[in-house]
C-alpha atoms as a PDB file:
ATOM      1  CA  MET A   1      34.618  66.982   8.006  1.00  0.00           C
ATOM      2  CA  ASN A   2      36.351  63.503   8.921  1.00  0.00           C
ATOM      3  CA  ASN A   3      34.979  63.737  12.177  1.00  0.00           C
ATOM      4  CA  ILE A   4      31.445  63.757  10.868  1.00  0.00           C
ATOM      5  CA  PHE A   5      31.702  61.160   8.638  1.00  0.00           C
ATOM      6  CA  LYS A   6      33.366  58.888  11.510  1.00  0.00           C
ATOM      7  CA  TYR A   7      30.209  60.084  13.387  1.00  0.00           C
ATOM      8  CA  PHE A   8      27.672  58.985  10.916  1.00  0.00           C
ATOM      9  CA  LEU A   9      29.463  55.545  10.070  1.00  0.00           C
ATOM     10  CA  PHE A  10      29.254  54.933  13.812  1.00  0.00           C
ATOM     11  CA  ALA A  11      25.710  55.936  14.202  1.00  0.00           C
ATOM     12  CA  ALA A  12      24.695  53.613  10.839  1.00  0.00           C
ATOM     13  CA  VAL A  13      26.864  50.202  12.420  1.00  0.00           C
ATOM     14  CA  MET A  14      24.999  50.917  15.622  1.00  0.00           C
ATOM     15  CA  VAL A  15      21.486  50.994  13.905  1.00  0.00           C
ATOM     16  CA  THR A  16      22.657  48.188  11.700  1.00  0.00           C
ATOM     17  CA  GLY A  17      23.500  46.161  15.055  1.00  0.00           C
ATOM     18  CA  LEU A  18      20.465  46.753  16.992  1.00  0.00           C
ATOM     19  CA  TRP A  19      18.452  46.065  13.945  1.00  0.00           C
ATOM     20  CA  SER A  20      19.941  42.485  13.609  1.00  0.00           C
ATOM     21  CA  CYS A  21      19.520  42.218  17.513  1.00  0.00           C
ATOM     22  CA  GLU A  22      15.885  42.622  17.065  1.00  0.00           C
ATOM     23  CA  LYS A  23      15.509  40.467  14.183  1.00  0.00           C
ATOM     24  CA  ASP A  24      17.436  37.618  16.100  1.00  0.00           C
ATOM     25  CA  GLU A  25      15.082  37.994  18.926  1.00  0.00           C
ATOM     26  CA  ASN A  26      11.980  37.668  16.849  1.00  0.00           C
ATOM     27  CA  LYS A  27      12.945  34.276  15.179  1.00  0.00           C
ATOM     28  CA  ILE A  28      10.625  31.397  15.987  1.00  0.00           C
ATOM     29  CA  PHE A  29      12.461  28.152  16.806  1.00  0.00           C
ATOM     30  CA  PHE A  30      11.085  24.419  16.875  1.00  0.00           C
ATOM     31  CA  GLU A  31      11.458  23.684  20.435  1.00  0.00           C
ATOM     32  CA  GLY A  32       9.874  19.631  20.355  1.00  0.00           C
ATOM     33  CA  GLY A  33       6.977  17.738  21.052  1.00  0.00           C
ATOM     34  CA  THR A  34       5.746  14.593  22.950  1.00  0.00           C
ATOM     35  CA  ALA A  35       6.058  11.025  21.289  1.00  0.00           C
ATOM     36  CA  PRO A  36       1.796  10.395  21.123  1.00  0.00           C
ATOM     37  CA  VAL A  37       0.647   7.514  23.056  1.00  0.00           C
ATOM     38  CA  LEU A  38      -1.332   5.136  21.431  1.00  0.00           C
ATOM     39  CA  THR A  39      -4.024   2.979  22.878  1.00  0.00           C
ATOM     40  CA  ALA A  40      -6.873   0.734  21.687  1.00  0.00           C
ATOM     41  CA  ASN A  41     -10.142  -0.487  23.006  1.00  0.00           C
ATOM     42  CA  ARG A  42      -9.056  -4.383  22.296  1.00  0.00           C
ATOM     43  CA  THR A  43      -6.287  -6.439  23.181  1.00  0.00           C
ATOM     44  CA  ALA A  44      -4.662  -8.986  22.333  1.00  0.00           C
ATOM     45  CA  THR A  45      -7.237 -10.014  19.810  1.00  0.00           C
ATOM     46  CA  ILE A  46      -9.232  -8.443  17.287  1.00  0.00           C
ATOM     47  CA  PRO A  47     -12.663 -10.260  16.100  1.00  0.00           C
ATOM     48  CA  LEU A  48     -13.296 -10.379  12.489  1.00  0.00           C
ATOM     49  CA  SER A  49     -16.555 -12.009  10.449  1.00  0.00           C
ATOM     50  CA  PHE A  50     -17.884 -11.633   7.392  1.00  0.00           C
ATOM     51  CA  ALA A  51     -21.114 -11.806   9.218  1.00  0.00           C
ATOM     52  CA  ASN A  52     -20.377  -8.554  11.090  1.00  0.00           C
ATOM     53  CA  GLN A  53     -18.325  -6.838   8.757  1.00  0.00           C
ATOM     54  CA  ASP A  54     -20.286  -3.623   9.256  1.00  0.00           C
ATOM     55  CA  GLU A  55     -20.004  -3.791  12.987  1.00  0.00           C
ATOM     56  CA  GLU A  56     -16.658  -2.079  15.161  1.00  0.00           C
ATOM     57  CA  ALA A  57     -13.589  -4.220  14.778  1.00  0.00           C
ATOM     58  CA  ILE A  58     -11.457  -1.554  17.124  1.00  0.00           C
ATOM     59  CA  ILE A  59     -11.168   1.944  18.095  1.00  0.00           C
ATOM     60  CA  PHE A  60      -7.461   3.770  18.202  1.00  0.00           C
ATOM     61  CA  SER A  61      -6.989   6.558  20.251  1.00  0.00           C
ATOM     62  CA  TRP A  62      -3.885   8.680  20.934  1.00  0.00           C
ATOM     63  CA  THR A  63      -2.502  11.722  22.772  1.00  0.00           C
ATOM     64  CA  ASN A  64      -1.660  15.139  21.018  1.00  0.00           C
ATOM     65  CA  PRO A  65       1.962  15.440  20.515  1.00  0.00           C
ATOM     66  CA  ASP A  66       1.911  18.944  21.510  1.00  0.00           C
ATOM     67  CA  TYR A  67       4.320  20.421  19.289  1.00  0.00           C
ATOM     68  CA  ARG A  68       5.960  23.491  20.673  1.00  0.00           C
ATOM     69  CA  PHE A  69       7.700  26.521  19.324  1.00  0.00           C
ATOM     70  CA  THR A  70       9.216  29.537  20.943  1.00  0.00           C
ATOM     71  CA  THR A  71       5.879  31.449  20.675  1.00  0.00           C
ATOM     72  CA  GLY A  72       4.020  28.205  22.423  1.00  0.00           C
ATOM     73  CA  VAL A  73       1.879  25.391  21.354  1.00  0.00           C
ATOM     74  CA  SER A  74       1.476  24.983  17.662  1.00  0.00           C
ATOM     75  CA  SER A  75      -1.848  25.906  16.250  1.00  0.00           C
ATOM     76  CA  GLN A  76      -0.725  24.234  12.993  1.00  0.00           C
ATOM     77  CA  ASP A  77      -2.744  21.331  11.980  1.00  0.00           C
ATOM     78  CA  VAL A  78      -0.845  17.705  12.777  1.00  0.00           C
ATOM     79  CA  ASN A  79      -0.849  15.063  10.241  1.00  0.00           C
ATOM     80  CA  ASP A  80      -1.418  11.626  11.868  1.00  0.00           C
ATOM     81  CA  GLN A  81      -0.997   8.245   9.962  1.00  0.00           C
ATOM     82  CA  ILE A  82      -1.967   4.923  11.575  1.00  0.00           C
ATOM     83  CA  GLU A  83       0.190   2.327  10.295  1.00  0.00           C
ATOM     84  CA  ILE A  84      -0.567  -1.360  10.030  1.00  0.00           C
ATOM     85  CA  GLU A  85       1.919  -4.109   9.648  1.00  0.00           C
ATOM     86  CA  ARG A  86       2.853  -7.827  10.205  1.00  0.00           C
ATOM     87  CA  ALA A  87       4.882  -8.680  13.046  1.00  0.00           C
ATOM     88  CA  GLY A  88       8.316  -8.695  12.667  1.00  0.00           C
ATOM     89  CA  ALA A  89       8.223  -6.471   9.511  1.00  0.00           C
ATOM     90  CA  ASN A  90       9.388  -3.059  11.411  1.00  0.00           C
ATOM     91  CA  PHE A  91       6.953  -0.804   9.321  1.00  0.00           C
ATOM     92  CA  ALA A  92       9.187  -1.284   6.404  1.00  0.00           C
ATOM     93  CA  SER A  93       7.633  -3.412   3.753  1.00  0.00           C
ATOM     94  CA  ALA A  94       5.810  -2.339   0.806  1.00  0.00           C
ATOM     95  CA  ASN A  95       2.420  -3.985   2.157  1.00  0.00           C
ATOM     96  CA  LYS A  96       2.057  -1.815   4.998  1.00  0.00           C
ATOM     97  CA  GLN A  97      -1.277  -0.565   5.457  1.00  0.00           C
ATOM     98  CA  THR A  98      -1.063   3.277   5.939  1.00  0.00           C
ATOM     99  CA  VAL A  99      -4.178   5.290   7.017  1.00  0.00           C
ATOM    100  CA  ALA A 100      -4.126   9.212   7.272  1.00  0.00           C
ATOM    101  CA  ILE A 101      -5.760  10.884   9.974  1.00  0.00           C
ATOM    102  CA  LYS A 102      -6.490  15.047  10.046  1.00  0.00           C
ATOM    103  CA  SER A 103      -7.196  16.914  12.696  1.00  0.00           C
ATOM    104  CA  ASP A 104      -8.708  14.053  15.068  1.00  0.00           C
ATOM    105  CA  LEU A 105      -7.157  11.913  17.893  1.00  0.00           C
ATOM    106  CA  GLN A 106      -9.189   8.499  17.067  1.00  0.00           C
ATOM    107  CA  LEU A 107      -9.844   6.185  14.140  1.00  0.00           C
ATOM    108  CA  ASN A 108     -12.700   3.722  14.426  1.00  0.00           C
ATOM    109  CA  LEU A 109     -12.102   0.804  11.901  1.00  0.00           C
ATOM    110  CA  THR A 110     -15.107  -1.617  11.140  1.00  0.00           C
ATOM    111  CA  GLN A 111     -14.353  -5.471  10.776  1.00  0.00           C
ATOM    112  CA  GLY A 112     -14.960  -4.689   6.871  1.00  0.00           C
ATOM    113  CA  GLN A 113     -12.515  -2.181   6.737  1.00  0.00           C
ATOM    114  CA  LEU A 114      -9.676  -3.822   8.601  1.00  0.00           C
ATOM    115  CA  ASN A 115     -10.146  -7.355   7.014  1.00  0.00           C
ATOM    116  CA  GLY A 116      -9.823  -5.138   3.602  1.00  0.00           C
ATOM    117  CA  TYR A 117      -6.710  -3.683   4.472  1.00  0.00           C
ATOM    118  CA  LEU A 118      -5.190  -7.282   5.812  1.00  0.00           C
ATOM    119  CA  LEU A 119      -6.466  -8.802   2.310  1.00  0.00           C
ATOM    120  CA  ASN A 120      -5.934  -6.348  -0.547  1.00  0.00           C
ATOM    121  CA  GLN A 121      -2.801  -4.452   1.099  1.00  0.00           C
ATOM    122  CA  MET A 122      -1.083  -6.693   3.422  1.00  0.00           C
ATOM    123  CA  ASN A 123      -1.786 -10.046   1.464  1.00  0.00           C
ATOM    124  CA  LEU A 124      -2.474 -12.032   4.662  1.00  0.00           C
ATOM    125  CA  ALA A 125      -4.218 -15.258   3.855  1.00  0.00           C
ATOM    126  CA  VAL A 126      -7.692 -16.211   4.341  1.00  0.00           C
ATOM    127  CA  ALA A 127      -8.965 -17.790   7.677  1.00  0.00           C
ATOM    128  CA  GLN A 128      -5.085 -17.923   8.730  1.00  0.00           C
ATOM    129  CA  PRO A 129      -4.317 -16.451  11.929  1.00  0.00           C
ATOM    130  CA  ALA A 130      -1.379 -13.774  11.781  1.00  0.00           C
ATOM    131  CA  GLU A 131       0.260 -11.300  14.092  1.00  0.00           C
ATOM    132  CA  ILE A 132       0.152  -7.649  13.038  1.00  0.00           C
ATOM    133  CA  GLU A 133       1.597  -4.338  14.750  1.00  0.00           C
ATOM    134  CA  VAL A 134       0.182  -0.893  14.646  1.00  0.00           C
ATOM    135  CA  ARG A 135       1.563   2.091  15.435  1.00  0.00           C
ATOM    136  CA  LEU A 136       1.131   6.010  15.139  1.00  0.00           C
ATOM    137  CA  LYS A 137       3.033   8.557  13.148  1.00  0.00           C
ATOM    138  CA  SER A 138       2.660  12.395  14.036  1.00  0.00           C
ATOM    139  CA  ASN A 139       4.363  14.986  11.874  1.00  0.00           C
ATOM    140  CA  LEU A 140       4.011  18.702  10.755  1.00  0.00           C
ATOM    141  CA  GLY A 141       3.839  19.168   7.020  1.00  0.00           C
ATOM    142  CA  ALA A 142       6.033  17.225   4.834  1.00  0.00           C
ATOM    143  CA  SER A 143       7.206  14.668   7.342  1.00  0.00           C
ATOM    144  CA  ALA A 144       8.650  17.570   9.425  1.00  0.00           C
ATOM    145  CA  ALA A 145       9.120  16.882  13.323  1.00  0.00           C
ATOM    146  CA  THR A 146       7.964  13.338  12.864  1.00  0.00           C
ATOM    147  CA  LEU A 147       7.203  11.886  16.212  1.00  0.00           C
ATOM    148  CA  ILE A 148       5.905   7.746  16.705  1.00  0.00           C
ATOM    149  CA  SER A 149       4.032   6.350  19.428  1.00  0.00           C
ATOM    150  CA  ASN A 150       4.575   3.043  21.252  1.00  0.00           C
ATOM    151  CA  VAL A 151       3.666  -0.099  19.314  1.00  0.00           C
ATOM    152  CA  LEU A 152       0.435  -2.328  19.720  1.00  0.00           C
ATOM    153  CA  LYS A 153       0.172  -6.023  19.000  1.00  0.00           C
ATOM    154  CA  PHE A 154      -2.970  -7.990  17.628  1.00  0.00           C
ATOM    155  CA  SER A 155      -3.965 -11.257  16.597  1.00  0.00           C
ATOM    156  CA  VAL A 156      -5.869 -11.254  13.624  1.00  0.00           C
ATOM    157  CA  THR A 157      -7.749 -13.909  11.327  1.00  0.00           C
ATOM    158  CA  PRO A 158      -8.830 -12.458   7.848  1.00  0.00           C
ATOM    159  CA  PHE A 159     -11.935 -13.602   6.605  1.00  0.00           C
ATOM    160  CA  ALA A 160     -12.896 -14.508   3.220  1.00  0.00           C
ATOM    161  CA  THR A 161     -15.049 -12.175   0.975  1.00  0.00           C
ATOM    162  CA  PRO A 162     -16.595 -12.712  -2.664  1.00  0.00           C
ATOM    163  CA  PRO A 163     -13.854 -12.601  -5.352  1.00  0.00           C
ATOM    164  CA  LYS A 164     -13.342  -9.194  -6.774  1.00  0.00           C
ATOM    165  CA  VAL A 165     -13.058 -11.020 -10.419  1.00  0.00           C
ATOM    166  CA  ASN A 166     -15.040 -14.634 -10.591  1.00  0.00           C
ATOM    167  CA  PRO A 167     -12.820 -17.547 -10.750  1.00  0.00           C
ATOM    168  CA  PRO A 168     -12.688 -19.953 -13.688  1.00  0.00           C
ATOM    169  CA  ALA A 169     -16.098 -21.890 -13.804  1.00  0.00           C
ATOM    170  CA  ALA A 170     -14.570 -25.141 -14.714  1.00  0.00           C
ATOM    171  CA  ASP A 171     -11.224 -24.562 -12.752  1.00  0.00           C
ATOM    172  CA  ASN A 172      -9.204 -24.386 -15.927  1.00  0.00           C
ATOM    173  CA  LEU A 173      -6.638 -21.075 -16.937  1.00  0.00           C
ATOM    174  CA  TRP A 174      -4.459 -21.184 -19.936  1.00  0.00           C
ATOM    175  CA  ILE A 175      -2.329 -18.194 -21.238  1.00  0.00           C
ATOM    176  CA  VAL A 176      -2.591 -17.451 -24.932  1.00  0.00           C
ATOM    177  CA  GLY A 177      -0.543 -14.974 -26.965  1.00  0.00           C
ATOM    178  CA  ASP A 178       2.992 -14.148 -28.282  1.00  0.00           C
ATOM    179  CA  ALA A 179       4.288 -13.805 -25.012  1.00  0.00           C
ATOM    180  CA  ALA A 180       4.046 -17.742 -24.626  1.00  0.00           C
ATOM    181  CA  PRO A 181       5.686 -19.987 -26.566  1.00  0.00           C
ATOM    182  CA  SER A 182       2.341 -20.835 -28.653  1.00  0.00           C
ATOM    183  CA  GLY A 183       1.548 -17.708 -30.194  1.00  0.00           C
ATOM    184  CA  TRP A 184      -2.216 -16.403 -30.538  1.00  0.00           C
ATOM    185  CA  THR A 185      -3.667 -20.167 -31.645  1.00  0.00           C
ATOM    186  CA  ASN A 186      -6.922 -20.565 -29.463  1.00  0.00           C
ATOM    187  CA  PRO A 187      -7.630 -23.568 -29.341  1.00  0.00           C
ATOM    188  CA  LEU A 188      -4.176 -24.616 -27.783  1.00  0.00           C
ATOM    189  CA  LEU A 189      -2.734 -27.639 -29.182  1.00  0.00           C
ATOM    190  CA  SER A 190      -0.407 -30.269 -28.021  1.00  0.00           C
ATOM    191  CA  PRO A 191       1.869 -29.744 -25.894  1.00  0.00           C
ATOM    192  CA  HIS A 192       1.120 -26.251 -25.167  1.00  0.00           C
ATOM    193  CA  ASP A 193      -2.161 -27.086 -23.733  1.00  0.00           C
ATOM    194  CA  ALA A 194      -0.865 -28.806 -20.943  1.00  0.00           C
ATOM    195  CA  SER A 195       2.500 -26.422 -21.008  1.00  0.00           C
ATOM    196  CA  GLN A 196       0.550 -23.225 -20.667  1.00  0.00           C
ATOM    197  CA  LYS A 197      -2.098 -24.347 -18.042  1.00  0.00           C
ATOM    198  CA  PHE A 198      -2.138 -22.786 -15.145  1.00  0.00           C
ATOM    199  CA  THR A 199      -2.065 -24.756 -11.460  1.00  0.00           C
ATOM    200  CA  LYS A 200      -5.065 -23.928  -9.177  1.00  0.00           C
ATOM    201  CA  ILE A 201      -3.251 -23.437  -5.912  1.00  0.00           C
ATOM    202  CA  SER A 202      -6.505 -22.229  -3.942  1.00  0.00           C
ATOM    203  CA  PRO A 203     -10.103 -21.619  -4.781  1.00  0.00           C
ATOM    204  CA  THR A 204      -8.923 -17.810  -5.901  1.00  0.00           C
ATOM    205  CA  ILE A 205      -4.971 -18.180  -6.986  1.00  0.00           C
ATOM    206  CA  TYR A 206      -3.537 -19.859  -9.869  1.00  0.00           C
ATOM    207  CA  GLU A 207       0.108 -19.632 -10.784  1.00  0.00           C
ATOM    208  CA  LEU A 208       2.023 -20.942 -13.848  1.00  0.00           C
ATOM    209  CA  THR A 209       6.009 -20.795 -14.513  1.00  0.00           C
ATOM    210  CA  LEU A 210       6.757 -20.532 -18.114  1.00  0.00           C
ATOM    211  CA  SER A 211       9.579 -20.101 -20.348  1.00  0.00           C
ATOM    212  CA  MET A 212       8.672 -16.808 -22.263  1.00  0.00           C
ATOM    213  CA  PRO A 213      10.062 -15.045 -25.306  1.00  0.00           C
ATOM    214  CA  GLY A 214      10.477 -11.589 -24.051  1.00  0.00           C
ATOM    215  CA  GLY A 215       8.277  -8.893 -25.660  1.00  0.00           C
ATOM    216  CA  GLY A 216       4.756  -9.445 -27.159  1.00  0.00           C
ATOM    217  CA  GLY A 217       1.508  -9.712 -24.989  1.00  0.00           C
ATOM    218  CA  TYR A 218      -1.255 -12.180 -23.739  1.00  0.00           C
ATOM    219  CA  LYS A 219      -4.468 -12.996 -22.521  1.00  0.00           C
ATOM    220  CA  LEU A 220      -5.994 -15.615 -20.359  1.00  0.00           C
ATOM    221  CA  ILE A 221      -8.596 -18.114 -21.355  1.00  0.00           C
ATOM    222  CA  GLN A 222     -10.834 -20.480 -19.217  1.00  0.00           C
ATOM    223  CA  GLU A 223     -12.262 -22.169 -21.943  1.00  0.00           C
ATOM    224  CA  ASN A 224      -9.664 -23.443 -24.492  1.00  0.00           C
ATOM    225  CA  GLY A 225     -11.045 -22.339 -27.664  1.00  0.00           C
ATOM    226  CA  GLN A 226     -13.504 -19.441 -26.856  1.00  0.00           C
ATOM    227  CA  TRP A 227     -12.444 -15.676 -26.439  1.00  0.00           C
ATOM    228  CA  ASN A 228     -15.720 -14.572 -25.186  1.00  0.00           C
ATOM    229  CA  THR A 229     -15.043 -15.490 -21.371  1.00  0.00           C
ATOM    230  CA  GLN A 230     -11.327 -14.402 -21.504  1.00  0.00           C
ATOM    231  CA  TYR A 231      -9.744 -12.221 -18.800  1.00  0.00           C
ATOM    232  CA  HIS A 232      -7.800  -9.238 -19.836  1.00  0.00           C
ATOM    233  CA  MET A 233      -5.428  -6.592 -18.171  1.00  0.00           C
ATOM    234  CA  LEU A 234      -7.204  -3.143 -16.957  1.00  0.00           C
ATOM    235  CA  ASP A 235      -5.382   0.110 -17.769  1.00  0.00           C
ATOM    236  CA  GLY A 236      -2.650   1.380 -15.775  1.00  0.00           C
ATOM    237  CA  GLY A 237      -0.895  -2.188 -15.568  1.00  0.00           C
ATOM    238  CA  THR A 238       2.561  -3.260 -16.146  1.00  0.00           C
ATOM    239  CA  TRP A 239       4.127  -6.719 -17.517  1.00  0.00           C
ATOM    240  CA  GLU A 240       5.051  -7.222 -13.792  1.00  0.00           C
ATOM    241  CA  SER A 241       1.623  -6.399 -11.956  1.00  0.00           C
ATOM    242  CA  GLY A 242      -1.645  -4.761 -12.164  1.00  0.00           C
ATOM    243  CA  ASP A 243      -5.496  -5.154 -12.236  1.00  0.00           C
ATOM    244  CA  PHE A 244      -7.444  -7.652 -14.554  1.00  0.00           C
ATOM    245  CA  GLU A 245     -11.118  -8.561 -15.296  1.00  0.00           C
ATOM    246  CA  MET A 246     -12.964 -11.210 -17.341  1.00  0.00           C
ATOM    247  CA  LYS A 247     -14.522  -9.440 -20.053  1.00  0.00           C
ATOM    248  CA  ASP A 248     -13.313 -10.039 -24.087  1.00  0.00           C
ATOM    249  CA  ALA A 249     -11.618  -6.688 -24.403  1.00  0.00           C
ATOM    250  CA  ASP A 250      -8.221  -4.927 -24.764  1.00  0.00           C
ATOM    251  CA  PRO A 251      -5.625  -3.887 -23.508  1.00  0.00           C
ATOM    252  CA  GLN A 252      -3.566  -7.835 -23.448  1.00  0.00           C
ATOM    253  CA  PHE A 253      -1.112  -8.468 -20.546  1.00  0.00           C
ATOM    254  CA  PRO A 254       2.209  -7.165 -22.002  1.00  0.00           C
ATOM    255  CA  GLY A 255       4.856  -9.995 -21.862  1.00  0.00           C
ATOM    256  CA  PRO A 256       8.364  -9.138 -20.071  1.00  0.00           C
ATOM    257  CA  PRO A 257      10.874  -7.253 -22.040  1.00  0.00           C
ATOM    258  CA  SER A 258      13.240  -9.953 -22.131  1.00  0.00           C
ATOM    259  CA  ALA A 259      13.560 -14.013 -22.445  1.00  0.00           C
ATOM    260  CA  GLY A 260      13.546 -15.921 -19.627  1.00  0.00           C
ATOM    261  CA  THR A 261      11.384 -18.260 -17.214  1.00  0.00           C
ATOM    262  CA  TYR A 262       8.843 -16.692 -15.087  1.00  0.00           C
ATOM    263  CA  LYS A 263       6.339 -17.031 -12.645  1.00  0.00           C
ATOM    264  CA  ILE A 264       2.582 -15.344 -13.367  1.00  0.00           C
ATOM    265  CA  THR A 265       0.375 -15.783 -10.110  1.00  0.00           C
ATOM    266  CA  VAL A 266      -3.352 -14.714 -10.737  1.00  0.00           C
ATOM    267  CA  ASP A 267      -5.457 -13.655  -7.684  1.00  0.00           C
ATOM    268  CA  PHE A 268      -9.017 -13.519  -8.117  1.00  0.00           C
ATOM    269  CA  GLN A 269      -9.722 -12.507  -4.778  1.00  0.00           C
ATOM    270  CA  ARG A 270      -8.275  -9.329  -5.247  1.00  0.00           C
ATOM    271  CA  GLY A 271      -8.553  -8.988  -8.953  1.00  0.00           C
ATOM    272  CA  LYS A 272      -4.634  -8.754  -9.536  1.00  0.00           C
ATOM    273  CA  PHE A 273      -1.715 -10.442 -10.930  1.00  0.00           C
ATOM    274  CA  SER A 274       1.815 -10.393 -11.056  1.00  0.00           C
ATOM    275  CA  VAL A 275       5.146 -11.729 -12.716  1.00  0.00           C
ATOM    276  CA  ILE A 276       8.645 -12.555 -11.397  1.00  0.00           C
ATOM    277  CA  LYS A 277      11.569 -13.765 -13.021  1.00  0.00           C
ATOM    278  CA  LEU A 278      12.830 -16.541 -11.892  1.00  0.00           C
END
């Protein structure tokens, strides 16, 4: 009886071992890929102009990374991302522009599209030459098996486009509200009519450095004593940044949570504002 039991036990062990070996042999392993090679139909300088904004700026092309598994070349869709960044930022800044591409080996950008990336995301200055770098990142799924291409370098000069929000007609801009020393008094009286007035930095950029009490809210007015041509924040903004428009409406801009000295920047070109504590 013991011999029979031992025989069945031995047979069970052998079957289990063979099954395990077969299971190991059927596993699929990732064997790697080849970093894509990025090329473009332009070198050195990418031409940009408002008159030609609908015309081609540049065409990027790249090789297939050929992701390989033990079963052969992967049939999965490859997720590609073109990254555009200021030269020297090592593709690590918050203002990096990323363009996602799926199931293609080429990206064609118009002059208007590229100019929008440079101004709206990368915050490059209008009419000022700048150096940018471009690379491609490829991966399978959620950033798995990432491969990075070579880097291409270009010179660009962004062109001016009509501002997203019309700047103050008379070049005047004030802050009014209980997030400011004046409170909600409108028109502003002395000394607040001077201390709460923004400085015009450029045709579309206004800045103000102000001691704020913390909390509350504010609006921006372009006519002292008038609400109907004010600027208000759009939904989704915070005290630190967001979008705005010219309209006698809510919501107000929220004041910073704590007292201190703050710098407020209002960008009419992009329709955005930002607030930083000094």
